[in-house]
């Protein structure tokens, strides 16, 4: 039953509301099981199967946090940003977002951001 639930949970889209709520409950279970020193093999297996979901969710949260910070910085520096540019920023990988944070310091105008994004795409 647990295995099937984990499989079904992993198949849900990242932005599905049930996925996020269920992951939070599962992480609490994971933490409670980790605290117990005398785990049964089923519990150890459950923790190992949940670990990839946990890591994936942490990466997603990190990426969203970076995206939000960058968009706030851009809006502060250049004023309200075009929705198309925001969408392009949301499509960047974590590594690209980290590069954008550093590159932002060198941008004088929105065209610099557009050029940087075009360079990343090409």
PDB file of N, CA and C in Angstrom:
ATOM      1  N   UNK A   1       0.830  -1.198   0.000  1.00  0.00           N
ATOM      2  CA  UNK A   1       0.000   0.000   0.000  1.00  0.00           C
ATOM      3  C   UNK A   1       0.869   1.256   0.000  1.00  0.00           C
ATOM      4  N   UNK A   2       1.921   1.277   0.856  1.00  0.00           N
ATOM      5  CA  UNK A   2       2.802   2.434   0.899  1.00  0.00           C
ATOM      6  C   UNK A   2       3.511   2.633  -0.437  1.00  0.00           C
ATOM      7  N   UNK A   3       3.968   1.540  -1.012  1.00  0.00           N
ATOM      8  CA  UNK A   3       4.685   1.621  -2.283  1.00  0.00           C
ATOM      9  C   UNK A   3       3.802   2.235  -3.361  1.00  0.00           C
ATOM     10  N   UNK A   4       2.573   1.775  -3.443  1.00  0.00           N
ATOM     11  CA  UNK A   4       1.644   2.303  -4.445  1.00  0.00           C
ATOM     12  C   UNK A   4       1.372   3.785  -4.206  1.00  0.00           C
ATOM     13  N   UNK A   5       1.240   4.182  -2.955  1.00  0.00           N
ATOM     14  CA  UNK A   5       0.996   5.590  -2.627  1.00  0.00           C
ATOM     15  C   UNK A   5       2.180   6.452  -3.045  1.00  0.00           C
ATOM     16  N   UNK A   6       3.390   5.969  -2.831  1.00  0.00           N
ATOM     17  CA  UNK A   6       4.588   6.724  -3.215  1.00  0.00           C
ATOM     18  C   UNK A   6       4.661   6.860  -4.725  1.00  0.00           C
ATOM     19  N   UNK A   7       4.363   5.789  -5.438  1.00  0.00           N
ATOM     20  CA  UNK A   7       4.377   5.827  -6.899  1.00  0.00           C
ATOM     21  C   UNK A   7       3.353   6.838  -7.409  1.00  0.00           C
ATOM     22  N   UNK A   8       2.146   6.796  -6.871  1.00  0.00           N
ATOM     23  CA  UNK A   8       1.103   7.721  -7.319  1.00  0.00           C
ATOM     24  C   UNK A   8       1.454   9.166  -6.971  1.00  0.00           C
ATOM     25  N   UNK A   9       2.044   9.373  -5.805  1.00  0.00           N
ATOM     26  CA  UNK A   9       2.451  10.709  -5.395  1.00  0.00           C
ATOM     27  C   UNK A   9       3.531  11.256  -6.326  1.00  0.00           C
ATOM     28  N   UNK A  10       4.472  10.432  -6.692  1.00  0.00           N
ATOM     29  CA  UNK A  10       5.558  10.887  -7.569  1.00  0.00           C
ATOM     30  C   UNK A  10       5.065  11.210  -8.976  1.00  0.00           C
ATOM     31  N   UNK A  11       3.937  10.640  -9.391  1.00  0.00           N
ATOM     32  CA  UNK A  11       3.392  10.893 -10.727  1.00  0.00           C
ATOM     33  C   UNK A  11       2.612  12.199 -10.816  1.00  0.00           C
ATOM     34  N   UNK A  12       2.207  12.746  -9.685  1.00  0.00           N
ATOM     35  CA  UNK A  12       1.452  14.003  -9.709  1.00  0.00           C
ATOM     36  C   UNK A  12       2.340  15.138 -10.209  1.00  0.00           C
ATOM     37  N   UNK A  13       1.772  16.101 -10.946  1.00  0.00           N
ATOM     38  CA  UNK A  13       2.559  17.258 -11.386  1.00  0.00           C
ATOM     39  C   UNK A  13       3.081  18.048 -10.187  1.00  0.00           C
ATOM     40  N   UNK A  14       4.211  18.720 -10.362  1.00  0.00           N
ATOM     41  CA  UNK A  14       4.835  19.454  -9.261  1.00  0.00           C
ATOM     42  C   UNK A  14       3.918  20.493  -8.646  1.00  0.00           C
ATOM     43  N   UNK A  15       3.078  21.117  -9.453  1.00  0.00           N
ATOM     44  CA  UNK A  15       2.227  22.193  -8.934  1.00  0.00           C
ATOM     45  C   UNK A  15       0.851  21.711  -8.464  1.00  0.00           C
ATOM     46  N   UNK A  16       0.638  20.415  -8.419  1.00  0.00           N
ATOM     47  CA  UNK A  16      -0.656  19.876  -7.978  1.00  0.00           C
ATOM     48  C   UNK A  16      -0.825  20.141  -6.473  1.00  0.00           C
ATOM     49  N   UNK A  17      -1.952  20.726  -6.070  1.00  0.00           N
ATOM     50  CA  UNK A  17      -2.127  21.087  -4.651  1.00  0.00           C
ATOM     51  C   UNK A  17      -2.094  19.882  -3.712  1.00  0.00           C
ATOM     52  N   UNK A  18      -2.599  18.748  -4.139  1.00  0.00           N
ATOM     53  CA  UNK A  18      -2.575  17.568  -3.276  1.00  0.00           C
ATOM     54  C   UNK A  18      -1.161  17.050  -3.081  1.00  0.00           C
ATOM     55  N   UNK A  19      -0.314  17.234  -4.097  1.00  0.00           N
ATOM     56  CA  UNK A  19       1.057  16.743  -3.989  1.00  0.00           C
ATOM     57  C   UNK A  19       1.786  17.485  -2.878  1.00  0.00           C
ATOM     58  N   UNK A  20       1.684  18.807  -2.868  1.00  0.00           N
ATOM     59  CA  UNK A  20       2.396  19.583  -1.866  1.00  0.00           C
ATOM     60  C   UNK A  20       1.894  19.269  -0.453  1.00  0.00           C
ATOM     61  N   UNK A  21       0.581  19.209  -0.282  1.00  0.00           N
ATOM     62  CA  UNK A  21       0.028  18.915   1.044  1.00  0.00           C
ATOM     63  C   UNK A  21       0.426  17.518   1.504  1.00  0.00           C
ATOM     64  N   UNK A  22       0.375  16.555   0.597  1.00  0.00           N
ATOM     65  CA  UNK A  22       0.732  15.180   0.948  1.00  0.00           C
ATOM     66  C   UNK A  22       2.216  15.076   1.254  1.00  0.00           C
ATOM     67  N   UNK A  23       3.047  15.760   0.479  1.00  0.00           N
ATOM     68  CA  UNK A  23       4.492  15.722   0.736  1.00  0.00           C
ATOM     69  C   UNK A  23       4.817  16.264   2.123  1.00  0.00           C
ATOM     70  N   UNK A  24       4.145  17.313   2.529  1.00  0.00           N
ATOM     71  CA  UNK A  24       4.387  17.864   3.865  1.00  0.00           C
ATOM     72  C   UNK A  24       4.048  16.844   4.944  1.00  0.00           C
ATOM     73  N   UNK A  25       2.935  16.136   4.790  1.00  0.00           N
ATOM     74  CA  UNK A  25       2.582  15.103   5.757  1.00  0.00           C
ATOM     75  C   UNK A  25       3.592  13.952   5.746  1.00  0.00           C
ATOM     76  N   UNK A  26       4.010  13.584   4.554  1.00  0.00           N
ATOM     77  CA  UNK A  26       4.962  12.486   4.420  1.00  0.00           C
ATOM     78  C   UNK A  26       6.314  12.869   5.023  1.00  0.00           C
ATOM     79  N   UNK A  27       6.722  14.126   4.865  1.00  0.00           N
ATOM     80  CA  UNK A  27       7.994  14.562   5.440  1.00  0.00           C
ATOM     81  C   UNK A  27       7.948  14.537   6.961  1.00  0.00           C
ATOM     82  N   UNK A  28       6.798  14.895   7.515  1.00  0.00           N
ATOM     83  CA  UNK A  28       6.655  14.800   8.967  1.00  0.00           C
ATOM     84  C   UNK A  28       6.771  13.352   9.420  1.00  0.00           C
ATOM     85  N   UNK A  29       6.161  12.442   8.691  1.00  0.00           N
ATOM     86  CA  UNK A  29       6.283  11.013   9.001  1.00  0.00           C
ATOM     87  C   UNK A  29       7.736  10.592   8.883  1.00  0.00           C
ATOM     88  N   UNK A  30       8.399  11.036   7.833  1.00  0.00           N
ATOM     89  CA  UNK A  30       9.811  10.704   7.606  1.00  0.00           C
ATOM     90  C   UNK A  30      10.665  11.158   8.788  1.00  0.00           C
ATOM     91  N   UNK A  31      10.435  12.391   9.247  1.00  0.00           N
ATOM     92  CA  UNK A  31      11.200  12.903  10.387  1.00  0.00           C
ATOM     93  C   UNK A  31      10.916  12.098  11.650  1.00  0.00           C
ATOM     94  N   UNK A  32       9.658  11.757  11.882  1.00  0.00           N
ATOM     95  CA  UNK A  32       9.313  10.967  13.065  1.00  0.00           C
ATOM     96  C   UNK A  32       9.963   9.590  13.023  1.00  0.00           C
ATOM     97  N   UNK A  33       9.984   8.986  11.851  1.00  0.00           N
ATOM     98  CA  UNK A  33      10.615   7.673  11.718  1.00  0.00           C
ATOM     99  C   UNK A  33      12.127   7.769  11.917  1.00  0.00           C
ATOM    100  N   UNK A  34      12.735   8.834  11.459  1.00  0.00           N
ATOM    101  CA  UNK A  34      14.187   8.996  11.606  1.00  0.00           C
ATOM    102  C   UNK A  34      14.595   9.169  13.059  1.00  0.00           C
ATOM    103  N   UNK A  35      13.738   9.772  13.840  1.00  0.00           N
ATOM    104  CA  UNK A  35      14.044   9.984  15.256  1.00  0.00           C
ATOM    105  C   UNK A  35      14.096   8.648  15.997  1.00  0.00           C
ATOM    106  N   UNK A  36      13.238   7.734  15.611  1.00  0.00           N
ATOM    107  CA  UNK A  36      13.184   6.418  16.254  1.00  0.00           C
ATOM    108  C   UNK A  36      14.428   5.620  15.869  1.00  0.00           C
ATOM    109  N   UNK A  37      15.212   5.234  16.859  1.00  0.00           N
ATOM    110  CA  UNK A  37      16.459   4.511  16.616  1.00  0.00           C
ATOM    111  C   UNK A  37      16.238   3.044  16.267  1.00  0.00           C
ATOM    112  N   UNK A  38      15.125   2.478  16.671  1.00  0.00           N
ATOM    113  CA  UNK A  38      14.855   1.056  16.448  1.00  0.00           C
ATOM    114  C   UNK A  38      13.864   0.859  15.305  1.00  0.00           C
ATOM    115  N   UNK A  39      14.275   1.248  14.127  1.00  0.00           N
ATOM    116  CA  UNK A  39      13.388   1.148  12.974  1.00  0.00           C
ATOM    117  C   UNK A  39      13.304  -0.281  12.472  1.00  0.00           C
ATOM    118  N   UNK A  40      12.110  -0.645  12.074  1.00  0.00           N
ATOM    119  CA  UNK A  40      11.934  -1.937  11.415  1.00  0.00           C
ATOM    120  C   UNK A  40      12.372  -1.780   9.965  1.00  0.00           C
ATOM    121  N   UNK A  41      12.629  -2.883   9.310  1.00  0.00           N
ATOM    122  CA  UNK A  41      13.121  -2.825   7.929  1.00  0.00           C
ATOM    123  C   UNK A  41      12.104  -2.142   7.006  1.00  0.00           C
ATOM    124  N   UNK A  42      10.812  -2.335   7.255  1.00  0.00           N
ATOM    125  CA  UNK A  42       9.789  -1.667   6.446  1.00  0.00           C
ATOM    126  C   UNK A  42       9.893  -0.147   6.569  1.00  0.00           C
ATOM    127  N   UNK A  43      10.142   0.307   7.791  1.00  0.00           N
ATOM    128  CA  UNK A  43      10.262   1.747   8.006  1.00  0.00           C
ATOM    129  C   UNK A  43      11.523   2.299   7.339  1.00  0.00           C
ATOM    130  N   UNK A  44      12.628   1.571   7.420  1.00  0.00           N
ATOM    131  CA  UNK A  44      13.857   2.006   6.751  1.00  0.00           C
ATOM    132  C   UNK A  44      13.650   2.076   5.238  1.00  0.00           C
ATOM    133  N   UNK A  45      12.959   1.077   4.701  1.00  0.00           N
ATOM    134  CA  UNK A  45      12.682   1.062   3.265  1.00  0.00           C
ATOM    135  C   UNK A  45      11.794   2.241   2.880  1.00  0.00           C
ATOM    136  N   UNK A  46      10.807   2.538   3.707  1.00  0.00           N
ATOM    137  CA  UNK A  46       9.922   3.673   3.437  1.00  0.00           C
ATOM    138  C   UNK A  46      10.726   4.976   3.392  1.00  0.00           C
ATOM    139  N   UNK A  47      11.608   5.159   4.343  1.00  0.00           N
ATOM    140  CA  UNK A  47      12.433   6.369   4.368  1.00  0.00           C
ATOM    141  C   UNK A  47      13.275   6.465   3.105  1.00  0.00           C
ATOM    142  N   UNK A  48      13.871   5.365   2.686  1.00  0.00           N
ATOM    143  CA  UNK A  48      14.706   5.374   1.482  1.00  0.00           C
ATOM    144  C   UNK A  48      13.883   5.684   0.240  1.00  0.00           C
ATOM    145  N   UNK A  49      12.658   5.204   0.188  1.00  0.00           N
ATOM    146  CA  UNK A  49      11.806   5.465  -0.986  1.00  0.00           C
ATOM    147  C   UNK A  49      11.284   6.894  -0.999  1.00  0.00           C
ATOM    148  N   UNK A  50      11.162   7.496   0.165  1.00  0.00           N
ATOM    149  CA  UNK A  50      10.687   8.876   0.242  1.00  0.00           C
ATOM    150  C   UNK A  50      11.797   9.889  -0.031  1.00  0.00           C
ATOM    151  N   UNK A  51      13.027   9.484   0.171  1.00  0.00           N
ATOM    152  CA  UNK A  51      14.155  10.416   0.037  1.00  0.00           C
ATOM    153  C   UNK A  51      14.207  11.109  -1.332  1.00  0.00           C
ATOM    154  N   UNK A  52      14.048  10.399  -2.467  1.00  0.00           N
ATOM    155  CA  UNK A  52      14.078  11.113  -3.759  1.00  0.00           C
ATOM    156  C   UNK A  52      12.969  12.156  -3.894  1.00  0.00           C
ATOM    157  N   UNK A  53      11.776  11.833  -3.391  1.00  0.00           N
ATOM    158  CA  UNK A  53      10.685  12.816  -3.435  1.00  0.00           C
ATOM    159  C   UNK A  53      11.031  14.040  -2.595  1.00  0.00           C
ATOM    160  N   UNK A  54      11.612  13.790  -1.445  1.00  0.00           N
ATOM    161  CA  UNK A  54      12.008  14.874  -0.552  1.00  0.00           C
ATOM    162  C   UNK A  54      13.045  15.761  -1.234  1.00  0.00           C
ATOM    163  N   UNK A  55      14.072  15.163  -1.823  1.00  0.00           N
ATOM    164  CA  UNK A  55      15.128  15.931  -2.484  1.00  0.00           C
ATOM    165  C   UNK A  55      14.578  16.718  -3.672  1.00  0.00           C
ATOM    166  N   UNK A  56      13.715  16.087  -4.445  1.00  0.00           N
ATOM    167  CA  UNK A  56      13.112  16.749  -5.608  1.00  0.00           C
ATOM    168  C   UNK A  56      12.308  17.973  -5.170  1.00  0.00           C
ATOM    169  N   UNK A  57      11.556  17.828  -4.096  1.00  0.00           N
ATOM    170  CA  UNK A  57      10.746  18.930  -3.614  1.00  0.00           C
ATOM    171  C   UNK A  57      11.619  20.061  -3.070  1.00  0.00           C
ATOM    172  N   UNK A  58      12.710  19.713  -2.407  1.00  0.00           N
ATOM    173  CA  UNK A  58      13.627  20.728  -1.889  1.00  0.00           C
ATOM    174  C   UNK A  58      14.258  21.523  -3.033  1.00  0.00           C
ATOM    175  N   UNK A  59      14.633  20.822  -4.107  1.00  0.00           N
ATOM    176  CA  UNK A  59      15.200  21.501  -5.279  1.00  0.00           C
ATOM    177  C   UNK A  59      14.190  22.428  -5.922  1.00  0.00           C
ATOM    178  N   UNK A  60      12.945  21.972  -6.025  1.00  0.00           N
ATOM    179  CA  UNK A  60      11.891  22.798  -6.604  1.00  0.00           C
ATOM    180  C   UNK A  60      11.685  24.054  -5.763  1.00  0.00           C
ATOM    181  N   UNK A  61      11.656  23.890  -4.448  1.00  0.00           N
ATOM    182  CA  UNK A  61      11.455  25.033  -3.555  1.00  0.00           C
ATOM    183  C   UNK A  61      12.624  26.013  -3.666  1.00  0.00           C
ATOM    184  N   UNK A  62      13.836  25.496  -3.765  1.00  0.00           N
ATOM    185  CA  UNK A  62      15.012  26.347  -3.918  1.00  0.00           C
ATOM    186  C   UNK A  62      14.935  27.136  -5.220  1.00  0.00           C
ATOM    187  N   UNK A  63      14.552  26.457  -6.288  1.00  0.00           N
ATOM    188  CA  UNK A  63      14.450  27.102  -7.592  1.00  0.00           C
ATOM    189  C   UNK A  63      13.384  28.195  -7.574  1.00  0.00           C
ATOM    190  N   UNK A  64      12.233  27.903  -6.998  1.00  0.00           N
ATOM    191  CA  UNK A  64      11.168  28.910  -6.922  1.00  0.00           C
ATOM    192  C   UNK A  64      11.596  30.104  -6.082  1.00  0.00           C
ATOM    193  N   UNK A  65      12.313  29.849  -5.009  1.00  0.00           N
ATOM    194  CA  UNK A  65      12.807  30.942  -4.170  1.00  0.00           C
ATOM    195  C   UNK A  65      13.777  31.835  -4.923  1.00  0.00           C
ATOM    196  N   UNK A  66      14.681  31.220  -5.682  1.00  0.00           N
ATOM    197  CA  UNK A  66      15.626  32.001  -6.483  1.00  0.00           C
ATOM    198  C   UNK A  66      14.897  32.804  -7.554  1.00  0.00           C
ATOM    199  N   UNK A  67      13.922  32.177  -8.199  1.00  0.00           N
ATOM    200  CA  UNK A  67      13.150  32.874  -9.235  1.00  0.00           C
ATOM    201  C   UNK A  67      12.457  34.095  -8.641  1.00  0.00           C
ATOM    202  N   UNK A  68      11.805  33.905  -7.513  1.00  0.00           N
ATOM    203  CA  UNK A  68      11.077  35.013  -6.882  1.00  0.00           C
ATOM    204  C   UNK A  68      12.011  36.151  -6.494  1.00  0.00           C
ATOM    205  N   UNK A  69      13.178  35.813  -5.941  1.00  0.00           N
ATOM    206  CA  UNK A  69      14.143  36.831  -5.548  1.00  0.00           C
ATOM    207  C   UNK A  69      14.639  37.600  -6.765  1.00  0.00           C
ATOM    208  N   UNK A  70      14.988  36.903  -7.827  1.00  0.00           N
ATOM    209  CA  UNK A  70      15.486  37.553  -9.035  1.00  0.00           C
ATOM    210  C   UNK A  70      14.422  38.471  -9.633  1.00  0.00           C
ATOM    211  N   UNK A  71      13.200  38.011  -9.675  1.00  0.00           N
ATOM    212  CA  UNK A  71      12.119  38.835 -10.234  1.00  0.00           C
ATOM    213  C   UNK A  71      11.909  40.089  -9.388  1.00  0.00           C
ATOM    214  N   UNK A  72      11.978  39.957  -8.073  1.00  0.00           N
ATOM    215  CA  UNK A  72      11.856  41.132  -7.200  1.00  0.00           C
ATOM    216  C   UNK A  72      13.001  42.120  -7.452  1.00  0.00           C
ATOM    217  N   UNK A  73      14.222  41.579  -7.594  1.00  0.00           N
ATOM    218  CA  UNK A  73      15.378  42.449  -7.853  1.00  0.00           C
ATOM    219  C   UNK A  73      15.239  43.173  -9.190  1.00  0.00           C
ATOM    220  N   UNK A  74      14.807  42.454 -10.203  1.00  0.00           N
ATOM    221  CA  UNK A  74      14.630  43.055 -11.531  1.00  0.00           C
ATOM    222  C   UNK A  74      13.550  44.129 -11.490  1.00  0.00           C
ATOM    223  N   UNK A  75      12.440  43.823 -10.832  1.00  0.00           N
ATOM    224  CA  UNK A  75      11.358  44.813 -10.715  1.00  0.00           C
ATOM    225  C   UNK A  75      11.835  46.058  -9.958  1.00  0.00           C
ATOM    226  N   UNK A  76      12.633  45.854  -8.955  1.00  0.00           N
ATOM    227  CA  UNK A  76      13.140  46.986  -8.170  1.00  0.00           C
ATOM    228  C   UNK A  76      14.095  47.838  -9.000  1.00  0.00           C
ATOM    229  N   UNK A  77      14.917  47.167  -9.799  1.00  0.00           N
ATOM    230  CA  UNK A  77      15.937  47.885 -10.576  1.00  0.00           C
ATOM    231  C   UNK A  77      15.379  48.546 -11.828  1.00  0.00           C
ATOM    232  N   UNK A  78      14.477  47.841 -12.528  1.00  0.00           N
ATOM    233  CA  UNK A  78      14.005  48.321 -13.830  1.00  0.00           C
ATOM    234  C   UNK A  78      12.524  48.674 -13.861  1.00  0.00           C
ATOM    235  N   UNK A  79      11.831  48.522 -12.766  1.00  0.00           N
ATOM    236  CA  UNK A  79      10.390  48.736 -12.768  1.00  0.00           C
ATOM    237  C   UNK A  79       9.669  47.447 -13.119  1.00  0.00           C
ATOM    238  N   UNK A  80       8.372  47.530 -13.232  1.00  0.00           N
ATOM    239  CA  UNK A  80       7.557  46.341 -13.510  1.00  0.00           C
ATOM    240  C   UNK A  80       8.052  45.638 -14.766  1.00  0.00           C
ATOM    241  N   UNK A  81       8.309  44.334 -14.641  1.00  0.00           N
ATOM    242  CA  UNK A  81       8.895  43.550 -15.725  1.00  0.00           C
ATOM    243  C   UNK A  81       7.813  42.922 -16.592  1.00  0.00           C
ATOM    244  N   UNK A  82       8.089  42.871 -17.868  1.00  0.00           N
ATOM    245  CA  UNK A  82       7.200  42.252 -18.845  1.00  0.00           C
ATOM    246  C   UNK A  82       6.936  40.783 -18.472  1.00  0.00           C
ATOM    247  N   UNK A  83       5.696  40.341 -18.634  1.00  0.00           N
ATOM    248  CA  UNK A  83       5.314  38.964 -18.288  1.00  0.00           C
ATOM    249  C   UNK A  83       6.100  37.929 -19.090  1.00  0.00           C
ATOM    250  N   UNK A  84       6.439  38.248 -20.321  1.00  0.00           N
ATOM    251  CA  UNK A  84       7.208  37.312 -21.149  1.00  0.00           C
ATOM    252  C   UNK A  84       8.611  37.105 -20.585  1.00  0.00           C
ATOM    253  N   UNK A  85       9.217  38.175 -20.068  1.00  0.00           N
ATOM    254  CA  UNK A  85      10.542  38.040 -19.450  1.00  0.00           C
ATOM    255  C   UNK A  85      10.465  37.225 -18.168  1.00  0.00           C
ATOM    256  N   UNK A  86       9.424  37.454 -17.404  1.00  0.00           N
ATOM    257  CA  UNK A  86       9.248  36.688 -16.161  1.00  0.00           C
ATOM    258  C   UNK A  86       9.103  35.205 -16.479  1.00  0.00           C
ATOM    259  N   UNK A  87       8.342  34.890 -17.503  1.00  0.00           N
ATOM    260  CA  UNK A  87       8.160  33.490 -17.901  1.00  0.00           C
ATOM    261  C   UNK A  87       9.490  32.879 -18.319  1.00  0.00           C
ATOM    262  N   UNK A  88      10.300  33.631 -19.032  1.00  0.00           N
ATOM    263  CA  UNK A  88      11.618  33.121 -19.451  1.00  0.00           C
ATOM    264  C   UNK A  88      12.507  32.867 -18.234  1.00  0.00           C
ATOM    265  N   UNK A  89      12.423  33.719 -17.235  1.00  0.00           N
ATOM    266  CA  UNK A  89      13.204  33.533 -16.003  1.00  0.00           C
ATOM    267  C   UNK A  89      12.730  32.284 -15.280  1.00  0.00           C
ATOM    268  N   UNK A  90      11.436  32.048 -15.248  1.00  0.00           N
ATOM    269  CA  UNK A  90      10.884  30.879 -14.562  1.00  0.00           C
ATOM    270  C   UNK A  90      11.284  29.566 -15.238  1.00  0.00           C
ATOM    271  N   UNK A  91      11.712  29.629 -16.485  1.00  0.00           N
ATOM    272  CA  UNK A  91      12.125  28.428 -17.213  1.00  0.00           C
ATOM    273  C   UNK A  91      13.603  28.090 -17.016  1.00  0.00           C
ATOM    274  N   UNK A  92      14.362  28.976 -16.351  1.00  0.00           N
ATOM    275  CA  UNK A  92      15.791  28.752 -16.171  1.00  0.00           C
ATOM    276  C   UNK A  92      16.074  27.667 -15.137  1.00  0.00           C
ATOM    277  N   UNK A  93      17.176  26.974 -15.332  1.00  0.00           N
ATOM    278  CA  UNK A  93      17.622  25.972 -14.362  1.00  0.00           C
ATOM    279  C   UNK A  93      18.215  26.672 -13.137  1.00  0.00           C
ATOM    280  N   UNK A  94      18.453  25.927 -12.085  1.00  0.00           N
ATOM    281  CA  UNK A  94      19.052  26.501 -10.875  1.00  0.00           C
ATOM    282  C   UNK A  94      20.419  27.106 -11.200  1.00  0.00           C
ATOM    283  N   UNK A  95      21.216  26.403 -12.006  1.00  0.00           N
ATOM    284  CA  UNK A  95      22.540  26.903 -12.367  1.00  0.00           C
ATOM    285  C   UNK A  95      22.435  28.216 -13.140  1.00  0.00           C
ATOM    286  N   UNK A  96      21.484  28.288 -14.057  1.00  0.00           N
ATOM    287  CA  UNK A  96      21.292  29.515 -14.823  1.00  0.00           C
ATOM    288  C   UNK A  96      20.798  30.653 -13.927  1.00  0.00           C
ATOM    289  N   UNK A  97      19.940  30.327 -12.982  1.00  0.00           N
ATOM    290  CA  UNK A  97      19.456  31.350 -12.046  1.00  0.00           C
ATOM    291  C   UNK A  97      20.609  31.909 -11.221  1.00  0.00           C
ATOM    292  N   UNK A  98      21.513  31.044 -10.795  1.00  0.00           N
ATOM    293  CA  UNK A  98      22.670  31.499 -10.019  1.00  0.00           C
ATOM    294  C   UNK A  98      23.542  32.415 -10.877  1.00  0.00           C
ATOM    295  N   UNK A  99      23.703  32.079 -12.151  1.00  0.00           N
ATOM    296  CA  UNK A  99      24.458  32.940 -13.052  1.00  0.00           C
ATOM    297  C   UNK A  99      23.772  34.277 -13.272  1.00  0.00           C
ATOM    298  N   UNK A 100      22.461  34.249 -13.354  1.00  0.00           N
ATOM    299  CA  UNK A 100      21.698  35.477 -13.546  1.00  0.00           C
ATOM    300  C   UNK A 100      21.834  36.409 -12.354  1.00  0.00           C
ATOM    301  N   UNK A 101      21.860  35.873 -11.159  1.00  0.00           N
ATOM    302  CA  UNK A 101      22.020  36.711  -9.963  1.00  0.00           C
ATOM    303  C   UNK A 101      23.310  37.518 -10.069  1.00  0.00           C
ATOM    304  N   UNK A 102      24.392  36.865 -10.467  1.00  0.00           N
ATOM    305  CA  UNK A 102      25.672  37.565 -10.604  1.00  0.00           C
ATOM    306  C   UNK A 102      25.636  38.546 -11.781  1.00  0.00           C
ATOM    307  N   UNK A 103      25.066  38.121 -12.905  1.00  0.00           N
ATOM    308  CA  UNK A 103      25.024  38.972 -14.096  1.00  0.00           C
ATOM    309  C   UNK A 103      24.168  40.212 -13.867  1.00  0.00           C
ATOM    310  N   UNK A 104      23.148  40.085 -13.031  1.00  0.00           N
ATOM    311  CA  UNK A 104      22.250  41.218 -12.762  1.00  0.00           C
ATOM    312  C   UNK A 104      23.011  42.452 -12.291  1.00  0.00           C
ATOM    313  N   UNK A 105      24.103  42.231 -11.587  1.00  0.00           N
ATOM    314  CA  UNK A 105      24.879  43.359 -11.074  1.00  0.00           C
ATOM    315  C   UNK A 105      25.470  44.207 -12.199  1.00  0.00           C
ATOM    316  N   UNK A 106      25.661  43.601 -13.367  1.00  0.00           N
ATOM    317  CA  UNK A 106      26.254  44.307 -14.500  1.00  0.00           C
ATOM    318  C   UNK A 106      25.227  44.919 -15.445  1.00  0.00           C
ATOM    319  N   UNK A 107      23.950  44.612 -15.277  1.00  0.00           N
ATOM    320  CA  UNK A 107      22.928  45.112 -16.189  1.00  0.00           C
ATOM    321  C   UNK A 107      22.612  46.575 -15.888  1.00  0.00           C
ATOM    322  N   UNK A 108      22.517  47.378 -16.956  1.00  0.00           N
ATOM    323  CA  UNK A 108      22.134  48.783 -16.806  1.00  0.00           C
ATOM    324  C   UNK A 108      20.699  49.018 -17.241  1.00  0.00           C
ATOM    325  N   UNK A 109      20.265  48.229 -18.235  1.00  0.00           N
ATOM    326  CA  UNK A 109      18.920  48.395 -18.790  1.00  0.00           C
ATOM    327  C   UNK A 109      18.306  47.013 -19.004  1.00  0.00           C
ATOM    328  N   UNK A 110      16.998  46.986 -19.212  1.00  0.00           N
ATOM    329  CA  UNK A 110      16.292  45.723 -19.428  1.00  0.00           C
ATOM    330  C   UNK A 110      16.844  44.990 -20.647  1.00  0.00           C
ATOM    331  N   UNK A 111      17.334  45.724 -21.619  1.00  0.00           N
ATOM    332  CA  UNK A 111      17.894  45.092 -22.821  1.00  0.00           C
ATOM    333  C   UNK A 111      19.076  44.194 -22.477  1.00  0.00           C
ATOM    334  N   UNK A 112      19.819  44.536 -21.433  1.00  0.00           N
ATOM    335  CA  UNK A 112      20.931  43.672 -20.988  1.00  0.00           C
ATOM    336  C   UNK A 112      20.389  42.333 -20.498  1.00  0.00           C
ATOM    337  N   UNK A 113      19.286  42.373 -19.762  1.00  0.00           N
ATOM    338  CA  UNK A 113      18.636  41.140 -19.297  1.00  0.00           C
ATOM    339  C   UNK A 113      18.149  40.319 -20.484  1.00  0.00           C
ATOM    340  N   UNK A 114      17.511  40.962 -21.432  1.00  0.00           N
ATOM    341  CA  UNK A 114      17.014  40.268 -22.614  1.00  0.00           C
ATOM    342  C   UNK A 114      18.155  39.598 -23.383  1.00  0.00           C
ATOM    343  N   UNK A 115      19.264  40.316 -23.521  1.00  0.00           N
ATOM    344  CA  UNK A 115      20.416  39.758 -24.222  1.00  0.00           C
ATOM    345  C   UNK A 115      20.973  38.553 -23.478  1.00  0.00           C
ATOM    346  N   UNK A 116      21.034  38.642 -22.157  1.00  0.00           N
ATOM    347  CA  UNK A 116      21.531  37.536 -21.346  1.00  0.00           C
ATOM    348  C   UNK A 116      20.622  36.317 -21.512  1.00  0.00           C
ATOM    349  N   UNK A 117      19.321  36.542 -21.448  1.00  0.00           N
ATOM    350  CA  UNK A 117      18.370  35.437 -21.626  1.00  0.00           C
ATOM    351  C   UNK A 117      18.489  34.809 -23.009  1.00  0.00           C
ATOM    352  N   UNK A 118      18.671  35.649 -24.024  1.00  0.00           N
ATOM    353  CA  UNK A 118      18.846  35.126 -25.382  1.00  0.00           C
ATOM    354  C   UNK A 118      20.114  34.283 -25.488  1.00  0.00           C
ATOM    355  N   UNK A 119      21.156  34.711 -24.819  1.00  0.00           N
ATOM    356  CA  UNK A 119      22.408  33.962 -24.821  1.00  0.00           C
ATOM    357  C   UNK A 119      22.222  32.598 -24.152  1.00  0.00           C
ATOM    358  N   UNK A 120      21.435  32.543 -23.086  1.00  0.00           N
ATOM    359  CA  UNK A 120      21.189  31.283 -22.377  1.00  0.00           C
ATOM    360  C   UNK A 120      20.376  30.322 -23.238  1.00  0.00           C
ATOM    361  N   UNK A 121      19.461  30.872 -24.022  1.00  0.00           N
ATOM    362  CA  UNK A 121      18.598  30.042 -24.871  1.00  0.00           C
ATOM    363  C   UNK A 121      19.347  29.504 -26.081  1.00  0.00           C
ATOM    364  N   UNK A 122      20.335  30.245 -26.550  1.00  0.00           N
ATOM    365  CA  UNK A 122      21.005  29.866 -27.790  1.00  0.00           C
ATOM    366  C   UNK A 122      22.276  29.165 -27.541  1.00  0.00           C
TER     367      UNK A 122
END
